[in-house]
C-alpha atoms as a PDB file:
ATOM      1  CA  UNK A   1      -9.003  21.169 -22.041  1.00  0.00           C
ATOM      2  CA  UNK A   2      -8.266  18.879 -19.280  1.00  0.00           C
ATOM      3  CA  UNK A   3     -10.299  15.770 -18.418  1.00  0.00           C
ATOM      4  CA  UNK A   4     -12.483  16.555 -15.338  1.00  0.00           C
ATOM      5  CA  UNK A   5     -13.636  13.744 -13.067  1.00  0.00           C
ATOM      6  CA  UNK A   6     -16.467  13.720 -10.397  1.00  0.00           C
ATOM      7  CA  UNK A   7     -15.376  12.025  -7.234  1.00  0.00           C
ATOM      8  CA  UNK A   8     -17.627   9.036  -8.443  1.00  0.00           C
ATOM      9  CA  UNK A   9     -15.882   8.863 -11.869  1.00  0.00           C
ATOM     10  CA  UNK A  10     -12.415   9.306 -10.372  1.00  0.00           C
ATOM     11  CA  UNK A  11     -13.289   6.408  -7.867  1.00  0.00           C
ATOM     12  CA  UNK A  12     -14.615   4.171 -10.541  1.00  0.00           C
ATOM     13  CA  UNK A  13     -11.661   4.705 -12.815  1.00  0.00           C
ATOM     14  CA  UNK A  14      -9.140   3.793 -10.073  1.00  0.00           C
ATOM     15  CA  UNK A  15     -11.239   1.016  -8.506  1.00  0.00           C
ATOM     16  CA  UNK A  16     -11.643   2.735  -5.142  1.00  0.00           C
ATOM     17  CA  UNK A  17     -14.565   4.506  -3.384  1.00  0.00           C
ATOM     18  CA  UNK A  18     -15.477   8.134  -3.136  1.00  0.00           C
ATOM     19  CA  UNK A  19     -14.824   7.793   0.437  1.00  0.00           C
ATOM     20  CA  UNK A  20     -11.316   6.722  -0.103  1.00  0.00           C
ATOM     21  CA  UNK A  21     -10.618   9.829  -2.407  1.00  0.00           C
ATOM     22  CA  UNK A  22     -12.196  12.019   0.387  1.00  0.00           C
ATOM     23  CA  UNK A  23      -9.975  10.568   2.929  1.00  0.00           C
ATOM     24  CA  UNK A  24      -6.989  11.397   1.049  1.00  0.00           C
ATOM     25  CA  UNK A  25      -8.291  14.870   0.240  1.00  0.00           C
ATOM     26  CA  UNK A  26      -8.694  15.269   4.129  1.00  0.00           C
ATOM     27  CA  UNK A  27      -5.254  14.368   4.686  1.00  0.00           C
ATOM     28  CA  UNK A  28      -4.021  16.998   2.131  1.00  0.00           C
ATOM     29  CA  UNK A  29      -2.591  14.555  -0.511  1.00  0.00           C
ATOM     30  CA  UNK A  30      -5.216  15.846  -3.080  1.00  0.00           C
ATOM     31  CA  UNK A  31      -6.907  19.045  -3.548  1.00  0.00           C
ATOM     32  CA  UNK A  32      -9.486  19.131  -6.081  1.00  0.00           C
ATOM     33  CA  UNK A  33     -10.819  22.270  -7.872  1.00  0.00           C
ATOM     34  CA  UNK A  34     -14.558  23.285  -7.153  1.00  0.00           C
ATOM     35  CA  UNK A  35     -17.088  24.050  -9.619  1.00  0.00           C
ATOM     36  CA  UNK A  36     -19.813  25.666  -7.423  1.00  0.00           C
ATOM     37  CA  UNK A  37     -20.008  23.099  -4.544  1.00  0.00           C
ATOM     38  CA  UNK A  38     -18.880  20.159  -6.765  1.00  0.00           C
ATOM     39  CA  UNK A  39     -15.553  18.691  -6.370  1.00  0.00           C
ATOM     40  CA  UNK A  40     -13.864  18.105  -9.744  1.00  0.00           C
ATOM     41  CA  UNK A  41     -10.614  16.156 -10.018  1.00  0.00           C
ATOM     42  CA  UNK A  42      -8.068  16.556 -13.122  1.00  0.00           C
ATOM     43  CA  UNK A  43      -5.972  14.268 -14.691  1.00  0.00           C
ATOM     44  CA  UNK A  44      -3.072  15.555 -12.514  1.00  0.00           C
ATOM     45  CA  UNK A  45      -5.277  14.660  -9.548  1.00  0.00           C
ATOM     46  CA  UNK A  46      -5.910  11.143 -11.091  1.00  0.00           C
ATOM     47  CA  UNK A  47      -2.225  10.717 -11.478  1.00  0.00           C
ATOM     48  CA  UNK A  48      -1.442  11.747  -7.740  1.00  0.00           C
ATOM     49  CA  UNK A  49      -3.951   9.366  -6.630  1.00  0.00           C
ATOM     50  CA  UNK A  50      -2.413   6.713  -8.647  1.00  0.00           C
ATOM     51  CA  UNK A  51       0.776   7.517  -6.857  1.00  0.00           C
ATOM     52  CA  UNK A  52      -0.758   7.654  -3.631  1.00  0.00           C
ATOM     53  CA  UNK A  53      -2.524   3.988  -4.031  1.00  0.00           C
ATOM     54  CA  UNK A  54       0.693   2.498  -5.304  1.00  0.00           C
ATOM     55  CA  UNK A  55       2.685   4.034  -2.395  1.00  0.00           C
ATOM     56  CA  UNK A  56       0.272   2.444   0.024  1.00  0.00           C
ATOM     57  CA  UNK A  57       0.128  -0.869  -1.730  1.00  0.00           C
ATOM     58  CA  UNK A  58       3.876  -0.977  -1.290  1.00  0.00           C
ATOM     59  CA  UNK A  59       3.612  -0.192   2.406  1.00  0.00           C
ATOM     60  CA  UNK A  60       4.550   3.548   2.621  1.00  0.00           C
ATOM     61  CA  UNK A  61       2.917   5.737   5.167  1.00  0.00           C
ATOM     62  CA  UNK A  62       0.692   8.635   4.328  1.00  0.00           C
ATOM     63  CA  UNK A  63       3.498  10.935   5.830  1.00  0.00           C
ATOM     64  CA  UNK A  64       6.043   9.112   3.484  1.00  0.00           C
ATOM     65  CA  UNK A  65       3.756   9.718   0.441  1.00  0.00           C
ATOM     66  CA  UNK A  66       2.882  13.195   1.389  1.00  0.00           C
ATOM     67  CA  UNK A  67       6.572  14.283   1.692  1.00  0.00           C
ATOM     68  CA  UNK A  68       7.369  12.625  -1.642  1.00  0.00           C
ATOM     69  CA  UNK A  69       4.407  14.335  -3.422  1.00  0.00           C
ATOM     70  CA  UNK A  70       5.256  17.681  -1.820  1.00  0.00           C
ATOM     71  CA  UNK A  71       8.659  17.382  -3.006  1.00  0.00           C
ATOM     72  CA  UNK A  72       7.582  16.962  -6.566  1.00  0.00           C
ATOM     73  CA  UNK A  73       5.921  20.279  -6.624  1.00  0.00           C
ATOM     74  CA  UNK A  74       8.934  22.143  -5.091  1.00  0.00           C
ATOM     75  CA  UNK A  75      11.861  20.423  -6.736  1.00  0.00           C
ATOM     76  CA  UNK A  76      11.672  20.789 -10.421  1.00  0.00           C
ATOM     77  CA  UNK A  77      14.829  18.938 -11.080  1.00  0.00           C
ATOM     78  CA  UNK A  78      13.420  16.009  -8.972  1.00  0.00           C
ATOM     79  CA  UNK A  79      16.920  15.229  -7.470  1.00  0.00           C
ATOM     80  CA  UNK A  80      15.608  15.716  -3.817  1.00  0.00           C
ATOM     81  CA  UNK A  81      12.618  13.669  -4.666  1.00  0.00           C
ATOM     82  CA  UNK A  82      14.494  10.880  -6.165  1.00  0.00           C
ATOM     83  CA  UNK A  83      16.918  11.010  -3.431  1.00  0.00           C
ATOM     84  CA  UNK A  84      14.184  10.755  -0.876  1.00  0.00           C
ATOM     85  CA  UNK A  85      12.441   7.820  -2.707  1.00  0.00           C
ATOM     86  CA  UNK A  86      15.450   5.905  -2.933  1.00  0.00           C
ATOM     87  CA  UNK A  87      16.124   6.216   0.894  1.00  0.00           C
ATOM     88  CA  UNK A  88      12.323   5.264   1.564  1.00  0.00           C
ATOM     89  CA  UNK A  89      12.560   2.499  -0.818  1.00  0.00           C
ATOM     90  CA  UNK A  90      15.660   1.117   1.015  1.00  0.00           C
ATOM     91  CA  UNK A  91      14.021   1.331   4.187  1.00  0.00           C
ATOM     92  CA  UNK A  92      10.930  -0.452   3.254  1.00  0.00           C
ATOM     93  CA  UNK A  93      13.155  -3.209   1.649  1.00  0.00           C
ATOM     94  CA  UNK A  94      14.940  -3.634   4.806  1.00  0.00           C
ATOM     95  CA  UNK A  95      11.471  -3.698   6.661  1.00  0.00           C
ATOM     96  CA  UNK A  96      10.107  -6.367   4.333  1.00  0.00           C
ATOM     97  CA  UNK A  97      13.495  -8.560   4.633  1.00  0.00           C
ATOM     98  CA  UNK A  98      12.988  -8.453   8.452  1.00  0.00           C
ATOM     99  CA  UNK A  99       9.318  -9.514   8.191  1.00  0.00           C
ATOM    100  CA  UNK A 100      10.313 -12.333   5.529  1.00  0.00           C
ATOM    101  CA  UNK A 101      12.907 -13.580   8.162  1.00  0.00           C
ATOM    102  CA  UNK A 102      10.189 -13.555  10.963  1.00  0.00           C
ATOM    103  CA  UNK A 103       7.719 -15.454   8.740  1.00  0.00           C
ATOM    104  CA  UNK A 104      10.421 -17.975   7.557  1.00  0.00           C
ATOM    105  CA  UNK A 105      11.266 -18.492  11.373  1.00  0.00           C
ATOM    106  CA  UNK A 106       7.608 -18.907  12.270  1.00  0.00           C
ATOM    107  CA  UNK A 107       7.035 -21.237   9.312  1.00  0.00           C
ATOM    108  CA  UNK A 108      10.003 -23.429  10.534  1.00  0.00           C
ATOM    109  CA  UNK A 109       8.704 -23.576  14.163  1.00  0.00           C
ATOM    110  CA  UNK A 110       5.211 -24.372  12.933  1.00  0.00           C
ATOM    111  CA  UNK A 111       6.357 -27.132  10.591  1.00  0.00           C
ATOM    112  CA  UNK A 112       8.375 -28.513  13.545  1.00  0.00           C
ATOM    113  CA  UNK A 113       5.412 -28.714  15.741  1.00  0.00           C
ATOM    114  CA  UNK A 114       3.174 -30.348  13.068  1.00  0.00           C
ATOM    115  CA  UNK A 115       5.961 -32.845  12.569  1.00  0.00           C
ATOM    116  CA  UNK A 116       5.982 -33.471  16.373  1.00  0.00           C
ATOM    117  CA  UNK A 117       2.376 -33.698  16.662  1.00  0.00           C
ATOM    118  CA  UNK A 118       2.116 -36.159  13.731  1.00  0.00           C
ATOM    119  CA  UNK A 119       4.773 -38.414  15.265  1.00  0.00           C
ATOM    120  CA  UNK A 120       2.753 -38.189  18.725  1.00  0.00           C
ATOM    121  CA  UNK A 121      -0.360 -39.289  16.990  1.00  0.00           C
ATOM    122  CA  UNK A 122       1.273 -42.084  15.126  1.00  0.00           C
ATOM    123  CA  UNK A 123       2.971 -43.389  18.345  1.00  0.00           C
ATOM    124  CA  UNK A 124      -0.610 -43.478  19.916  1.00  0.00           C
ATOM    125  CA  UNK A 125      -1.852 -45.591  17.148  1.00  0.00           C
ATOM    126  CA  UNK A 126      -3.955 -42.820  15.728  1.00  0.00           C
ATOM    127  CA  UNK A 127      -4.075 -42.323  11.889  1.00  0.00           C
ATOM    128  CA  UNK A 128      -3.412 -38.431  11.482  1.00  0.00           C
ATOM    129  CA  UNK A 129      -4.556 -38.454   7.778  1.00  0.00           C
ATOM    130  CA  UNK A 130      -7.935 -40.455   7.978  1.00  0.00           C
ATOM    131  CA  UNK A 131      -9.554 -41.105   4.702  1.00  0.00           C
ATOM    132  CA  UNK A 132     -12.910 -39.685   4.231  1.00  0.00           C
END
């Protein structure tokens, strides 16, 4: 028999709140079973949530994640799913590379401003690193 989780148990096992789980349910990313009026989640739901959380931590949009998960259900060979994943991963890597370049540029500019500020203070006879 499948392991069943309540929303609280599932959240605890994943380190997230029940509200987070309900959010992803509202977005159509997971669909728990109902036992009466109680939501119950299977090991498959837990695995989907793990993939959702991993996708979010890597910066993928909910639309990307939903598209990927939906393909898993329809493409048993997983060729289309893996092809999509590869394309999305390459896009995300390109975005992160752009962000890294922007951060590196900002750091260079800030370090230059810091150096100029220190030189200006020294020129005015002020110790920019007071002991204390």
